[in-house]
């Protein structure tokens, strides 16, 4: 947070990691999958676990995880602890919904392919 250069590198690494994470799920152009399509459901499920653990820790924590935020101006009248808890709850909810939507889409896609294979 004290160095804009390192802060940019941090955000760039988050973006890169996110793109690499979603690449096997999305398969942005026709390519040969390295894993069976059903394994992407397990991939998404196991990916939610660390995020759920971190979100749960931050939501139910009774102290601020990053002491630096104690010295920053409060957002919207919230204390740093309340801000941390709200952000963690938002992260928990959004990540769960995004992974659930992706899992539902993959499941529907696999079931429709199976139905087409059976009817042929």
PDB file of N, CA and C in Angstrom:
ATOM      1  N   UNK A   1       0.819  -1.197   0.000  1.00  0.00           N
ATOM      2  CA  UNK A   1       0.000   0.000   0.000  1.00  0.00           C
ATOM      3  C   UNK A   1       0.861   1.260   0.000  1.00  0.00           C
ATOM      4  N   UNK A   2       2.095   1.166   0.446  1.00  0.00           N
ATOM      5  CA  UNK A   2       2.945   2.346   0.520  1.00  0.00           C
ATOM      6  C   UNK A   2       3.711   2.600  -0.769  1.00  0.00           C
ATOM      7  N   UNK A   3       3.759   1.616  -1.636  1.00  0.00           N
ATOM      8  CA  UNK A   3       4.463   1.763  -2.905  1.00  0.00           C
ATOM      9  C   UNK A   3       3.467   1.532  -4.043  1.00  0.00           C
ATOM     10  N   UNK A   4       3.279   2.562  -4.861  1.00  0.00           N
ATOM     11  CA  UNK A   4       2.329   2.412  -5.969  1.00  0.00           C
ATOM     12  C   UNK A   4       2.808   1.369  -6.974  1.00  0.00           C
ATOM     13  N   UNK A   5       4.122   1.255  -7.145  1.00  0.00           N
ATOM     14  CA  UNK A   5       4.675   0.256  -8.073  1.00  0.00           C
ATOM     15  C   UNK A   5       4.320  -1.155  -7.606  1.00  0.00           C
ATOM     16  N   UNK A   6       4.574  -1.472  -6.331  1.00  0.00           N
ATOM     17  CA  UNK A   6       4.277  -2.809  -5.818  1.00  0.00           C
ATOM     18  C   UNK A   6       2.773  -3.056  -5.739  1.00  0.00           C
ATOM     19  N   UNK A   7       2.020  -2.004  -5.498  1.00  0.00           N
ATOM     20  CA  UNK A   7       0.558  -2.149  -5.465  1.00  0.00           C
ATOM     21  C   UNK A   7       0.039  -2.517  -6.860  1.00  0.00           C
ATOM     22  N   UNK A   8       0.597  -1.885  -7.896  1.00  0.00           N
ATOM     23  CA  UNK A   8       0.230  -2.230  -9.266  1.00  0.00           C
ATOM     24  C   UNK A   8       0.620  -3.669  -9.583  1.00  0.00           C
ATOM     25  N   UNK A   9       1.833  -4.064  -9.194  1.00  0.00           N
ATOM     26  CA  UNK A   9       2.283  -5.443  -9.431  1.00  0.00           C
ATOM     27  C   UNK A   9       1.374  -6.428  -8.714  1.00  0.00           C
ATOM     28  N   UNK A  10       0.941  -6.089  -7.517  1.00  0.00           N
ATOM     29  CA  UNK A  10       0.015  -6.945  -6.771  1.00  0.00           C
ATOM     30  C   UNK A  10      -1.279  -7.145  -7.553  1.00  0.00           C
ATOM     31  N   UNK A  11      -1.856  -6.044  -8.037  1.00  0.00           N
ATOM     32  CA  UNK A  11      -3.109  -6.150  -8.793  1.00  0.00           C
ATOM     33  C   UNK A  11      -2.912  -6.876 -10.120  1.00  0.00           C
ATOM     34  N   UNK A  12      -1.784  -6.662 -10.771  1.00  0.00           N
ATOM     35  CA  UNK A  12      -1.499  -7.370 -12.017  1.00  0.00           C
ATOM     36  C   UNK A  12      -1.366  -8.869 -11.769  1.00  0.00           C
ATOM     37  N   UNK A  13      -0.754  -9.242 -10.647  1.00  0.00           N
ATOM     38  CA  UNK A  13      -0.629 -10.671 -10.336  1.00  0.00           C
ATOM     39  C   UNK A  13      -1.990 -11.281 -10.001  1.00  0.00           C
ATOM     40  N   UNK A  14      -2.878 -10.509  -9.353  1.00  0.00           N
ATOM     41  CA  UNK A  14      -4.236 -11.002  -9.094  1.00  0.00           C
ATOM     42  C   UNK A  14      -4.980 -11.244 -10.410  1.00  0.00           C
ATOM     43  N   UNK A  15      -4.867 -10.304 -11.341  1.00  0.00           N
ATOM     44  CA  UNK A  15      -5.527 -10.449 -12.639  1.00  0.00           C
ATOM     45  C   UNK A  15      -4.972 -11.651 -13.398  1.00  0.00           C
ATOM     46  N   UNK A  16      -3.659 -11.792 -13.408  1.00  0.00           N
ATOM     47  CA  UNK A  16      -3.026 -12.920 -14.101  1.00  0.00           C
ATOM     48  C   UNK A  16      -3.456 -14.256 -13.486  1.00  0.00           C
ATOM     49  N   UNK A  17      -3.442 -14.331 -12.162  1.00  0.00           N
ATOM     50  CA  UNK A  17      -3.863 -15.563 -11.486  1.00  0.00           C
ATOM     51  C   UNK A  17      -5.327 -15.870 -11.788  1.00  0.00           C
ATOM     52  N   UNK A  18      -6.169 -14.854 -11.814  1.00  0.00           N
ATOM     53  CA  UNK A  18      -7.586 -15.057 -12.126  1.00  0.00           C
ATOM     54  C   UNK A  18      -7.787 -15.579 -13.537  1.00  0.00           C
ATOM     55  N   UNK A  19      -7.066 -15.000 -14.494  1.00  0.00           N
ATOM     56  CA  UNK A  19      -7.178 -15.475 -15.880  1.00  0.00           C
ATOM     57  C   UNK A  19      -6.689 -16.913 -16.013  1.00  0.00           C
ATOM     58  N   UNK A  20      -5.573 -17.229 -15.355  1.00  0.00           N
ATOM     59  CA  UNK A  20      -5.065 -18.604 -15.405  1.00  0.00           C
ATOM     60  C   UNK A  20      -6.019 -19.578 -14.719  1.00  0.00           C
ATOM     61  N   UNK A  21      -6.670 -19.130 -13.632  1.00  0.00           N
ATOM     62  CA  UNK A  21      -7.622 -19.991 -12.934  1.00  0.00           C
ATOM     63  C   UNK A  21      -8.823 -20.327 -13.827  1.00  0.00           C
ATOM     64  N   UNK A  22      -9.411 -19.314 -14.479  1.00  0.00           N
ATOM     65  CA  UNK A  22     -10.635 -19.520 -15.250  1.00  0.00           C
ATOM     66  C   UNK A  22     -10.376 -20.113 -16.637  1.00  0.00           C
ATOM     67  N   UNK A  23      -9.141 -20.088 -17.109  1.00  0.00           N
ATOM     68  CA  UNK A  23      -8.827 -20.574 -18.461  1.00  0.00           C
ATOM     69  C   UNK A  23      -9.343 -21.998 -18.718  1.00  0.00           C
ATOM     70  N   UNK A  24      -9.057 -22.993 -17.856  1.00  0.00           N
ATOM     71  CA  UNK A  24      -9.546 -24.349 -18.167  1.00  0.00           C
ATOM     72  C   UNK A  24     -11.064 -24.480 -18.069  1.00  0.00           C
ATOM     73  N   UNK A  25     -11.712 -23.619 -17.320  1.00  0.00           N
ATOM     74  CA  UNK A  25     -13.170 -23.684 -17.181  1.00  0.00           C
ATOM     75  C   UNK A  25     -13.834 -23.090 -18.414  1.00  0.00           C
ATOM     76  N   UNK A  26     -13.384 -21.922 -18.815  1.00  0.00           N
ATOM     77  CA  UNK A  26     -14.002 -21.189 -19.927  1.00  0.00           C
ATOM     78  C   UNK A  26     -13.602 -21.771 -21.282  1.00  0.00           C
ATOM     79  N   UNK A  27     -12.356 -22.170 -21.433  1.00  0.00           N
ATOM     80  CA  UNK A  27     -11.784 -22.601 -22.715  1.00  0.00           C
ATOM     81  C   UNK A  27     -12.160 -21.581 -23.791  1.00  0.00           C
ATOM     82  N   UNK A  28     -11.463 -20.426 -23.799  1.00  0.00           N
ATOM     83  CA  UNK A  28     -11.886 -19.300 -24.616  1.00  0.00           C
ATOM     84  C   UNK A  28     -11.965 -19.537 -26.121  1.00  0.00           C
ATOM     85  N   UNK A  29     -11.302 -20.498 -26.645  1.00  0.00           N
ATOM     86  CA  UNK A  29     -11.463 -20.827 -28.054  1.00  0.00           C
ATOM     87  C   UNK A  29     -11.377 -22.340 -28.190  1.00  0.00           C
ATOM     88  N   UNK A  30     -11.815 -22.866 -29.304  1.00  0.00           N
ATOM     89  CA  UNK A  30     -11.805 -24.329 -29.449  1.00  0.00           C
ATOM     90  C   UNK A  30     -10.411 -24.894 -29.182  1.00  0.00           C
ATOM     91  N   UNK A  31     -10.376 -25.765 -28.236  1.00  0.00           N
ATOM     92  CA  UNK A  31      -9.118 -26.399 -27.879  1.00  0.00           C
ATOM     93  C   UNK A  31      -9.422 -27.782 -27.323  1.00  0.00           C
ATOM     94  N   UNK A  32      -8.399 -28.560 -27.183  1.00  0.00           N
ATOM     95  CA  UNK A  32      -8.545 -29.888 -26.621  1.00  0.00           C
ATOM     96  C   UNK A  32      -8.402 -29.776 -25.107  1.00  0.00           C
ATOM     97  N   UNK A  33      -9.410 -30.232 -24.386  1.00  0.00           N
ATOM     98  CA  UNK A  33      -9.366 -30.182 -22.924  1.00  0.00           C
ATOM     99  C   UNK A  33      -8.368 -31.209 -22.406  1.00  0.00           C
ATOM    100  N   UNK A  34      -7.619 -30.809 -21.396  1.00  0.00           N
ATOM    101  CA  UNK A  34      -6.637 -31.718 -20.810  1.00  0.00           C
ATOM    102  C   UNK A  34      -7.261 -32.643 -19.773  1.00  0.00           C
ATOM    103  N   UNK A  35      -8.440 -32.265 -19.280  1.00  0.00           N
ATOM    104  CA  UNK A  35      -9.132 -33.043 -18.248  1.00  0.00           C
ATOM    105  C   UNK A  35     -10.558 -33.286 -18.694  1.00  0.00           C
ATOM    106  N   UNK A  36     -11.197 -34.324 -18.140  1.00  0.00           N
ATOM    107  CA  UNK A  36     -12.614 -34.532 -18.451  1.00  0.00           C
ATOM    108  C   UNK A  36     -13.431 -33.319 -18.001  1.00  0.00           C
ATOM    109  N   UNK A  37     -14.490 -33.030 -18.714  1.00  0.00           N
ATOM    110  CA  UNK A  37     -15.298 -31.827 -18.423  1.00  0.00           C
ATOM    111  C   UNK A  37     -15.889 -31.881 -17.016  1.00  0.00           C
ATOM    112  N   UNK A  38     -16.260 -33.073 -16.526  1.00  0.00           N
ATOM    113  CA  UNK A  38     -16.856 -33.173 -15.192  1.00  0.00           C
ATOM    114  C   UNK A  38     -15.868 -32.786 -14.102  1.00  0.00           C
ATOM    115  N   UNK A  39     -14.569 -32.909 -14.386  1.00  0.00           N
ATOM    116  CA  UNK A  39     -13.573 -32.556 -13.370  1.00  0.00           C
ATOM    117  C   UNK A  39     -13.557 -31.053 -13.088  1.00  0.00           C
ATOM    118  N   UNK A  40     -14.094 -30.250 -14.011  1.00  0.00           N
ATOM    119  CA  UNK A  40     -14.172 -28.805 -13.775  1.00  0.00           C
ATOM    120  C   UNK A  40     -15.140 -28.491 -12.631  1.00  0.00           C
ATOM    121  N   UNK A  41     -16.139 -29.350 -12.434  1.00  0.00           N
ATOM    122  CA  UNK A  41     -17.044 -29.157 -11.290  1.00  0.00           C
ATOM    123  C   UNK A  41     -16.291 -29.346  -9.974  1.00  0.00           C
ATOM    124  N   UNK A  42     -15.451 -30.370  -9.911  1.00  0.00           N
ATOM    125  CA  UNK A  42     -14.616 -30.569  -8.720  1.00  0.00           C
ATOM    126  C   UNK A  42     -13.607 -29.434  -8.564  1.00  0.00           C
ATOM    127  N   UNK A  43     -13.055 -29.002  -9.664  1.00  0.00           N
ATOM    128  CA  UNK A  43     -12.098 -27.893  -9.676  1.00  0.00           C
ATOM    129  C   UNK A  43     -12.737 -26.641  -9.055  1.00  0.00           C
ATOM    130  N   UNK A  44     -13.952 -26.319  -9.478  1.00  0.00           N
ATOM    131  CA  UNK A  44     -14.654 -25.151  -8.939  1.00  0.00           C
ATOM    132  C   UNK A  44     -15.009 -25.349  -7.468  1.00  0.00           C
ATOM    133  N   UNK A  45     -15.472 -26.547  -7.124  1.00  0.00           N
ATOM    134  CA  UNK A  45     -15.835 -26.805  -5.734  1.00  0.00           C
ATOM    135  C   UNK A  45     -14.633 -26.651  -4.807  1.00  0.00           C
ATOM    136  N   UNK A  46     -13.520 -27.285  -5.165  1.00  0.00           N
ATOM    137  CA  UNK A  46     -12.339 -27.203  -4.301  1.00  0.00           C
ATOM    138  C   UNK A  46     -11.731 -25.806  -4.285  1.00  0.00           C
ATOM    139  N   UNK A  47     -11.962 -25.038  -5.342  1.00  0.00           N
ATOM    140  CA  UNK A  47     -11.468 -23.659  -5.365  1.00  0.00           C
ATOM    141  C   UNK A  47     -12.248 -22.765  -4.409  1.00  0.00           C
ATOM    142  N   UNK A  48     -13.495 -23.119  -4.131  1.00  0.00           N
ATOM    143  CA  UNK A  48     -14.283 -22.292  -3.207  1.00  0.00           C
ATOM    144  C   UNK A  48     -13.819 -22.460  -1.767  1.00  0.00           C
ATOM    145  N   UNK A  49     -13.228 -23.589  -1.430  1.00  0.00           N
ATOM    146  CA  UNK A  49     -12.891 -23.864  -0.038  1.00  0.00           C
ATOM    147  C   UNK A  49     -11.917 -22.860   0.580  1.00  0.00           C
ATOM    148  N   UNK A  50     -10.781 -22.530  -0.055  1.00  0.00           N
ATOM    149  CA  UNK A  50      -9.901 -21.526   0.562  1.00  0.00           C
ATOM    150  C   UNK A  50     -10.563 -20.158   0.678  1.00  0.00           C
ATOM    151  N   UNK A  51     -11.338 -19.795  -0.327  1.00  0.00           N
ATOM    152  CA  UNK A  51     -12.027 -18.503  -0.284  1.00  0.00           C
ATOM    153  C   UNK A  51     -13.070 -18.489   0.830  1.00  0.00           C
ATOM    154  N   UNK A  52     -13.792 -19.585   0.980  1.00  0.00           N
ATOM    155  CA  UNK A  52     -14.778 -19.676   2.059  1.00  0.00           C
ATOM    156  C   UNK A  52     -14.107 -19.600   3.425  1.00  0.00           C
ATOM    157  N   UNK A  53     -12.977 -20.271   3.558  1.00  0.00           N
ATOM    158  CA  UNK A  53     -12.258 -20.248   4.838  1.00  0.00           C
ATOM    159  C   UNK A  53     -11.776 -18.834   5.165  1.00  0.00           C
ATOM    160  N   UNK A  54     -11.187 -18.153   4.183  1.00  0.00           N
ATOM    161  CA  UNK A  54     -10.710 -16.791   4.404  1.00  0.00           C
ATOM    162  C   UNK A  54     -11.868 -15.848   4.689  1.00  0.00           C
ATOM    163  N   UNK A  55     -12.931 -15.956   3.909  1.00  0.00           N
ATOM    164  CA  UNK A  55     -14.092 -15.093   4.119  1.00  0.00           C
ATOM    165  C   UNK A  55     -14.699 -15.324   5.491  1.00  0.00           C
ATOM    166  N   UNK A  56     -14.865 -16.583   5.871  1.00  0.00           N
ATOM    167  CA  UNK A  56     -15.417 -16.895   7.182  1.00  0.00           C
ATOM    168  C   UNK A  56     -14.557 -16.358   8.308  1.00  0.00           C
ATOM    169  N   UNK A  57     -13.242 -16.494   8.157  1.00  0.00           N
ATOM    170  CA  UNK A  57     -12.333 -15.959   9.176  1.00  0.00           C
ATOM    171  C   UNK A  57     -12.496 -14.453   9.312  1.00  0.00           C
ATOM    172  N   UNK A  58     -12.536 -13.750   8.174  1.00  0.00           N
ATOM    173  CA  UNK A  58     -12.639 -12.294   8.216  1.00  0.00           C
ATOM    174  C   UNK A  58     -14.005 -11.812   8.685  1.00  0.00           C
ATOM    175  N   UNK A  59     -15.066 -12.524   8.328  1.00  0.00           N
ATOM    176  CA  UNK A  59     -16.414 -12.130   8.753  1.00  0.00           C
ATOM    177  C   UNK A  59     -16.559 -12.263  10.263  1.00  0.00           C
ATOM    178  N   UNK A  60     -16.072 -13.365  10.815  1.00  0.00           N
ATOM    179  CA  UNK A  60     -16.295 -13.635  12.237  1.00  0.00           C
ATOM    180  C   UNK A  60     -15.133 -13.203  13.134  1.00  0.00           C
ATOM    181  N   UNK A  61     -14.133 -12.535  12.554  1.00  0.00           N
ATOM    182  CA  UNK A  61     -12.999 -12.067  13.342  1.00  0.00           C
ATOM    183  C   UNK A  61     -13.418 -10.902  14.241  1.00  0.00           C
ATOM    184  N   UNK A  62     -12.825 -10.855  15.408  1.00  0.00           N
ATOM    185  CA  UNK A  62     -13.137  -9.755  16.329  1.00  0.00           C
ATOM    186  C   UNK A  62     -12.054  -8.682  16.326  1.00  0.00           C
ATOM    187  N   UNK A  63     -11.128  -8.768  15.355  1.00  0.00           N
ATOM    188  CA  UNK A  63     -10.107  -7.731  15.227  1.00  0.00           C
ATOM    189  C   UNK A  63      -9.766  -7.535  13.755  1.00  0.00           C
ATOM    190  N   UNK A  64      -9.216  -6.390  13.461  1.00  0.00           N
ATOM    191  CA  UNK A  64      -8.853  -6.053  12.084  1.00  0.00           C
ATOM    192  C   UNK A  64      -7.629  -6.872  11.679  1.00  0.00           C
ATOM    193  N   UNK A  65      -7.723  -7.519  10.521  1.00  0.00           N
ATOM    194  CA  UNK A  65      -6.642  -8.395  10.060  1.00  0.00           C
ATOM    195  C   UNK A  65      -5.406  -7.604   9.632  1.00  0.00           C
ATOM    196  N   UNK A  66      -5.600  -6.410   9.093  1.00  0.00           N
ATOM    197  CA  UNK A  66      -4.493  -5.580   8.620  1.00  0.00           C
ATOM    198  C   UNK A  66      -4.467  -4.299   9.435  1.00  0.00           C
ATOM    199  N   UNK A  67      -3.572  -4.195  10.411  1.00  0.00           N
ATOM    200  CA  UNK A  67      -3.527  -3.018  11.284  1.00  0.00           C
ATOM    201  C   UNK A  67      -3.380  -1.690  10.531  1.00  0.00           C
ATOM    202  N   UNK A  68      -2.852  -1.728   9.303  1.00  0.00           N
ATOM    203  CA  UNK A  68      -2.712  -0.501   8.517  1.00  0.00           C
ATOM    204  C   UNK A  68      -4.066   0.197   8.340  1.00  0.00           C
ATOM    205  N   UNK A  69      -5.131  -0.592   8.267  1.00  0.00           N
ATOM    206  CA  UNK A  69      -6.455  -0.011   8.042  1.00  0.00           C
ATOM    207  C   UNK A  69      -6.997   0.725   9.260  1.00  0.00           C
ATOM    208  N   UNK A  70      -6.388   0.535  10.405  1.00  0.00           N
ATOM    209  CA  UNK A  70      -6.809   1.284  11.588  1.00  0.00           C
ATOM    210  C   UNK A  70      -6.481   2.766  11.445  1.00  0.00           C
ATOM    211  N   UNK A  71      -5.488   3.084  10.616  1.00  0.00           N
ATOM    212  CA  UNK A  71      -5.042   4.470  10.436  1.00  0.00           C
ATOM    213  C   UNK A  71      -5.670   5.139   9.223  1.00  0.00           C
ATOM    214  N   UNK A  72      -6.454   4.417   8.435  1.00  0.00           N
ATOM    215  CA  UNK A  72      -7.046   4.990   7.227  1.00  0.00           C
ATOM    216  C   UNK A  72      -8.406   5.589   7.545  1.00  0.00           C
ATOM    217  N   UNK A  73      -8.874   6.543   6.735  1.00  0.00           N
ATOM    218  CA  UNK A  73     -10.202   7.125   6.969  1.00  0.00           C
ATOM    219  C   UNK A  73     -11.292   6.061   6.837  1.00  0.00           C
ATOM    220  N   UNK A  74     -12.328   6.193   7.628  1.00  0.00           N
ATOM    221  CA  UNK A  74     -13.426   5.226   7.610  1.00  0.00           C
ATOM    222  C   UNK A  74     -14.299   5.438   6.376  1.00  0.00           C
ATOM    223  N   UNK A  75     -14.728   4.335   5.804  1.00  0.00           N
ATOM    224  CA  UNK A  75     -15.589   4.379   4.614  1.00  0.00           C
ATOM    225  C   UNK A  75     -17.052   4.327   5.019  1.00  0.00           C
ATOM    226  N   UNK A  76     -17.805   5.333   4.636  1.00  0.00           N
ATOM    227  CA  UNK A  76     -19.247   5.327   4.879  1.00  0.00           C
ATOM    228  C   UNK A  76     -19.629   5.267   6.347  1.00  0.00           C
ATOM    229  N   UNK A  77     -18.770   5.722   7.213  1.00  0.00           N
ATOM    230  CA  UNK A  77     -19.092   5.719   8.632  1.00  0.00           C
ATOM    231  C   UNK A  77     -18.873   4.381   9.320  1.00  0.00           C
ATOM    232  N   UNK A  78     -18.360   3.389   8.615  1.00  0.00           N
ATOM    233  CA  UNK A  78     -18.104   2.088   9.221  1.00  0.00           C
ATOM    234  C   UNK A  78     -16.747   2.085   9.911  1.00  0.00           C
ATOM    235  N   UNK A  79     -16.647   1.371  10.990  1.00  0.00           N
ATOM    236  CA  UNK A  79     -15.353   1.178  11.637  1.00  0.00           C
ATOM    237  C   UNK A  79     -14.512   0.255  10.756  1.00  0.00           C
ATOM    238  N   UNK A  80     -13.189   0.253  10.922  1.00  0.00           N
ATOM    239  CA  UNK A  80     -12.362  -0.656  10.113  1.00  0.00           C
ATOM    240  C   UNK A  80     -12.780  -2.124  10.267  1.00  0.00           C
ATOM    241  N   UNK A  81     -13.190  -2.535  11.467  1.00  0.00           N
ATOM    242  CA  UNK A  81     -13.613  -3.921  11.668  1.00  0.00           C
ATOM    243  C   UNK A  81     -14.920  -4.205  10.933  1.00  0.00           C
ATOM    244  N   UNK A  82     -15.876  -3.297  11.035  1.00  0.00           N
ATOM    245  CA  UNK A  82     -17.151  -3.482  10.334  1.00  0.00           C
ATOM    246  C   UNK A  82     -16.943  -3.465   8.824  1.00  0.00           C
ATOM    247  N   UNK A  83     -16.045  -2.610   8.337  1.00  0.00           N
ATOM    248  CA  UNK A  83     -15.733  -2.558   6.918  1.00  0.00           C
ATOM    249  C   UNK A  83     -15.131  -3.887   6.462  1.00  0.00           C
ATOM    250  N   UNK A  84     -14.211  -4.423   7.243  1.00  0.00           N
ATOM    251  CA  UNK A  84     -13.595  -5.719   6.934  1.00  0.00           C
ATOM    252  C   UNK A  84     -14.653  -6.815   6.896  1.00  0.00           C
ATOM    253  N   UNK A  85     -15.542  -6.827   7.869  1.00  0.00           N
ATOM    254  CA  UNK A  85     -16.576  -7.859   7.932  1.00  0.00           C
ATOM    255  C   UNK A  85     -17.554  -7.747   6.773  1.00  0.00           C
ATOM    256  N   UNK A  86     -17.931  -6.531   6.408  1.00  0.00           N
ATOM    257  CA  UNK A  86     -18.837  -6.346   5.262  1.00  0.00           C
ATOM    258  C   UNK A  86     -18.167  -6.765   3.953  1.00  0.00           C
ATOM    259  N   UNK A  87     -16.901  -6.392   3.793  1.00  0.00           N
ATOM    260  CA  UNK A  87     -16.173  -6.767   2.583  1.00  0.00           C
ATOM    261  C   UNK A  87     -16.017  -8.284   2.486  1.00  0.00           C
ATOM    262  N   UNK A  88     -15.737  -8.933   3.613  1.00  0.00           N
ATOM    263  CA  UNK A  88     -15.593 -10.390   3.611  1.00  0.00           C
ATOM    264  C   UNK A  88     -16.921 -11.073   3.302  1.00  0.00           C
ATOM    265  N   UNK A  89     -18.014 -10.551   3.843  1.00  0.00           N
ATOM    266  CA  UNK A  89     -19.331 -11.127   3.549  1.00  0.00           C
ATOM    267  C   UNK A  89     -19.677 -10.950   2.074  1.00  0.00           C
ATOM    268  N   UNK A  90     -19.332  -9.795   1.518  1.00  0.00           N
ATOM    269  CA  UNK A  90     -19.564  -9.558   0.094  1.00  0.00           C
ATOM    270  C   UNK A  90     -18.727 -10.510  -0.752  1.00  0.00           C
ATOM    271  N   UNK A  91     -17.457 -10.672  -0.387  1.00  0.00           N
ATOM    272  CA  UNK A  91     -16.580 -11.593  -1.108  1.00  0.00           C
ATOM    273  C   UNK A  91     -17.133 -13.018  -1.033  1.00  0.00           C
ATOM    274  N   UNK A  92     -17.540 -13.432   0.149  1.00  0.00           N
ATOM    275  CA  UNK A  92     -18.070 -14.777   0.350  1.00  0.00           C
ATOM    276  C   UNK A  92     -19.285 -15.004  -0.540  1.00  0.00           C
ATOM    277  N   UNK A  93     -20.193 -14.059  -0.537  1.00  0.00           N
ATOM    278  CA  UNK A  93     -21.427 -14.183  -1.314  1.00  0.00           C
ATOM    279  C   UNK A  93     -21.149 -14.162  -2.812  1.00  0.00           C
ATOM    280  N   UNK A  94     -20.379 -13.184  -3.266  1.00  0.00           N
ATOM    281  CA  UNK A  94     -20.124 -13.044  -4.707  1.00  0.00           C
ATOM    282  C   UNK A  94     -19.373 -14.238  -5.280  1.00  0.00           C
ATOM    283  N   UNK A  95     -18.345 -14.691  -4.581  1.00  0.00           N
ATOM    284  CA  UNK A  95     -17.566 -15.834  -5.069  1.00  0.00           C
ATOM    285  C   UNK A  95     -18.444 -17.083  -5.140  1.00  0.00           C
ATOM    286  N   UNK A  96     -19.253 -17.291  -4.112  1.00  0.00           N
ATOM    287  CA  UNK A  96     -20.136 -18.453  -4.101  1.00  0.00           C
ATOM    288  C   UNK A  96     -21.116 -18.404  -5.263  1.00  0.00           C
ATOM    289  N   UNK A  97     -21.698 -17.239  -5.519  1.00  0.00           N
ATOM    290  CA  UNK A  97     -22.661 -17.103  -6.620  1.00  0.00           C
ATOM    291  C   UNK A  97     -21.973 -17.311  -7.963  1.00  0.00           C
ATOM    292  N   UNK A  98     -20.805 -16.712  -8.157  1.00  0.00           N
ATOM    293  CA  UNK A  98     -20.087 -16.865  -9.428  1.00  0.00           C
ATOM    294  C   UNK A  98     -19.734 -18.329  -9.681  1.00  0.00           C
ATOM    295  N   UNK A  99     -19.216 -19.015  -8.664  1.00  0.00           N
ATOM    296  CA  UNK A  99     -18.857 -20.421  -8.836  1.00  0.00           C
ATOM    297  C   UNK A  99     -20.097 -21.287  -9.026  1.00  0.00           C
ATOM    298  N   UNK A 100     -21.185 -20.949  -8.358  1.00  0.00           N
ATOM    299  CA  UNK A 100     -22.433 -21.694  -8.519  1.00  0.00           C
ATOM    300  C   UNK A 100     -23.001 -21.526  -9.923  1.00  0.00           C
ATOM    301  N   UNK A 101     -22.955 -20.318 -10.450  1.00  0.00           N
ATOM    302  CA  UNK A 101     -23.423 -20.077 -11.819  1.00  0.00           C
ATOM    303  C   UNK A 101     -22.553 -20.850 -12.811  1.00  0.00           C
ATOM    304  N   UNK A 102     -21.234 -20.785 -12.637  1.00  0.00           N
ATOM    305  CA  UNK A 102     -20.340 -21.520 -13.540  1.00  0.00           C
ATOM    306  C   UNK A 102     -20.585 -23.025 -13.442  1.00  0.00           C
ATOM    307  N   UNK A 103     -20.757 -23.545 -12.230  1.00  0.00           N
ATOM    308  CA  UNK A 103     -21.028 -24.968 -12.041  1.00  0.00           C
ATOM    309  C   UNK A 103     -22.357 -25.389 -12.643  1.00  0.00           C
ATOM    310  N   UNK A 104     -23.359 -24.533 -12.493  1.00  0.00           N
ATOM    311  CA  UNK A 104     -24.672 -24.820 -13.077  1.00  0.00           C
ATOM    312  C   UNK A 104     -24.592 -24.833 -14.597  1.00  0.00           C
ATOM    313  N   UNK A 105     -23.882 -23.861 -15.158  1.00  0.00           N
ATOM    314  CA  UNK A 105     -23.720 -23.812 -16.613  1.00  0.00           C
ATOM    315  C   UNK A 105     -23.003 -25.062 -17.118  1.00  0.00           C
ATOM    316  N   UNK A 106     -21.910 -25.446 -16.446  1.00  0.00           N
ATOM    317  CA  UNK A 106     -21.177 -26.639 -16.862  1.00  0.00           C
ATOM    318  C   UNK A 106     -22.033 -27.896 -16.737  1.00  0.00           C
ATOM    319  N   UNK A 107     -22.774 -28.012 -15.641  1.00  0.00           N
ATOM    320  CA  UNK A 107     -23.643 -29.179 -15.435  1.00  0.00           C
ATOM    321  C   UNK A 107     -24.708 -29.257 -16.520  1.00  0.00           C
ATOM    322  N   UNK A 108     -25.335 -28.132 -16.819  1.00  0.00           N
ATOM    323  CA  UNK A 108     -26.362 -28.096 -17.859  1.00  0.00           C
ATOM    324  C   UNK A 108     -25.774 -28.462 -19.211  1.00  0.00           C
ATOM    325  N   UNK A 109     -24.601 -27.937 -19.483  1.00  0.00           N
ATOM    326  CA  UNK A 109     -23.920 -28.236 -20.745  1.00  0.00           C
ATOM    327  C   UNK A 109     -23.603 -29.731 -20.860  1.00  0.00           C
ATOM    328  N   UNK A 110     -23.075 -30.314 -19.798  1.00  0.00           N
ATOM    329  CA  UNK A 110     -22.729 -31.741 -19.832  1.00  0.00           C
ATOM    330  C   UNK A 110     -23.981 -32.615 -19.939  1.00  0.00           C
ATOM    331  N   UNK A 111     -25.042 -32.245 -19.234  1.00  0.00           N
ATOM    332  CA  UNK A 111     -26.269 -33.038 -19.301  1.00  0.00           C
ATOM    333  C   UNK A 111     -26.925 -32.935 -20.674  1.00  0.00           C
ATOM    334  N   UNK A 112     -26.875 -31.768 -21.301  1.00  0.00           N
ATOM    335  CA  UNK A 112     -27.466 -31.641 -22.633  1.00  0.00           C
ATOM    336  C   UNK A 112     -26.648 -32.413 -23.660  1.00  0.00           C
ATOM    337  N   UNK A 113     -25.329 -32.453 -23.503  1.00  0.00           N
ATOM    338  CA  UNK A 113     -24.501 -33.257 -24.413  1.00  0.00           C
ATOM    339  C   UNK A 113     -24.793 -34.741 -24.248  1.00  0.00           C
ATOM    340  N   UNK A 114     -25.011 -35.163 -23.003  1.00  0.00           N
ATOM    341  CA  UNK A 114     -25.327 -36.570 -22.733  1.00  0.00           C
ATOM    342  C   UNK A 114     -26.686 -36.911 -23.335  1.00  0.00           C
ATOM    343  N   UNK A 115     -27.657 -36.002 -23.212  1.00  0.00           N
ATOM    344  CA  UNK A 115     -28.999 -36.236 -23.756  1.00  0.00           C
ATOM    345  C   UNK A 115     -28.930 -36.353 -25.287  1.00  0.00           C
ATOM    346  N   UNK A 116     -28.120 -35.498 -25.924  1.00  0.00           N
ATOM    347  CA  UNK A 116     -27.958 -35.558 -27.374  1.00  0.00           C
ATOM    348  C   UNK A 116     -27.292 -36.880 -27.782  1.00  0.00           C
ATOM    349  N   UNK A 117     -26.327 -37.329 -27.022  1.00  0.00           N
ATOM    350  CA  UNK A 117     -25.635 -38.582 -27.349  1.00  0.00           C
ATOM    351  C   UNK A 117     -26.569 -39.777 -27.210  1.00  0.00           C
ATOM    352  N   UNK A 118     -27.477 -39.729 -26.223  1.00  0.00           N
ATOM    353  CA  UNK A 118     -28.421 -40.822 -26.031  1.00  0.00           C
ATOM    354  C   UNK A 118     -29.457 -40.859 -27.142  1.00  0.00           C
ATOM    355  N   UNK A 119     -29.907 -39.675 -27.616  1.00  0.00           N
ATOM    356  CA  UNK A 119     -30.951 -39.641 -28.630  1.00  0.00           C
ATOM    357  C   UNK A 119     -30.447 -39.984 -30.026  1.00  0.00           C
ATOM    358  N   UNK A 120     -29.141 -39.972 -30.211  1.00  0.00           N
ATOM    359  CA  UNK A 120     -28.586 -40.291 -31.544  1.00  0.00           C
ATOM    360  C   UNK A 120     -28.494 -41.742 -31.744  1.00  0.00           C
TER     361      UNK A 120
END
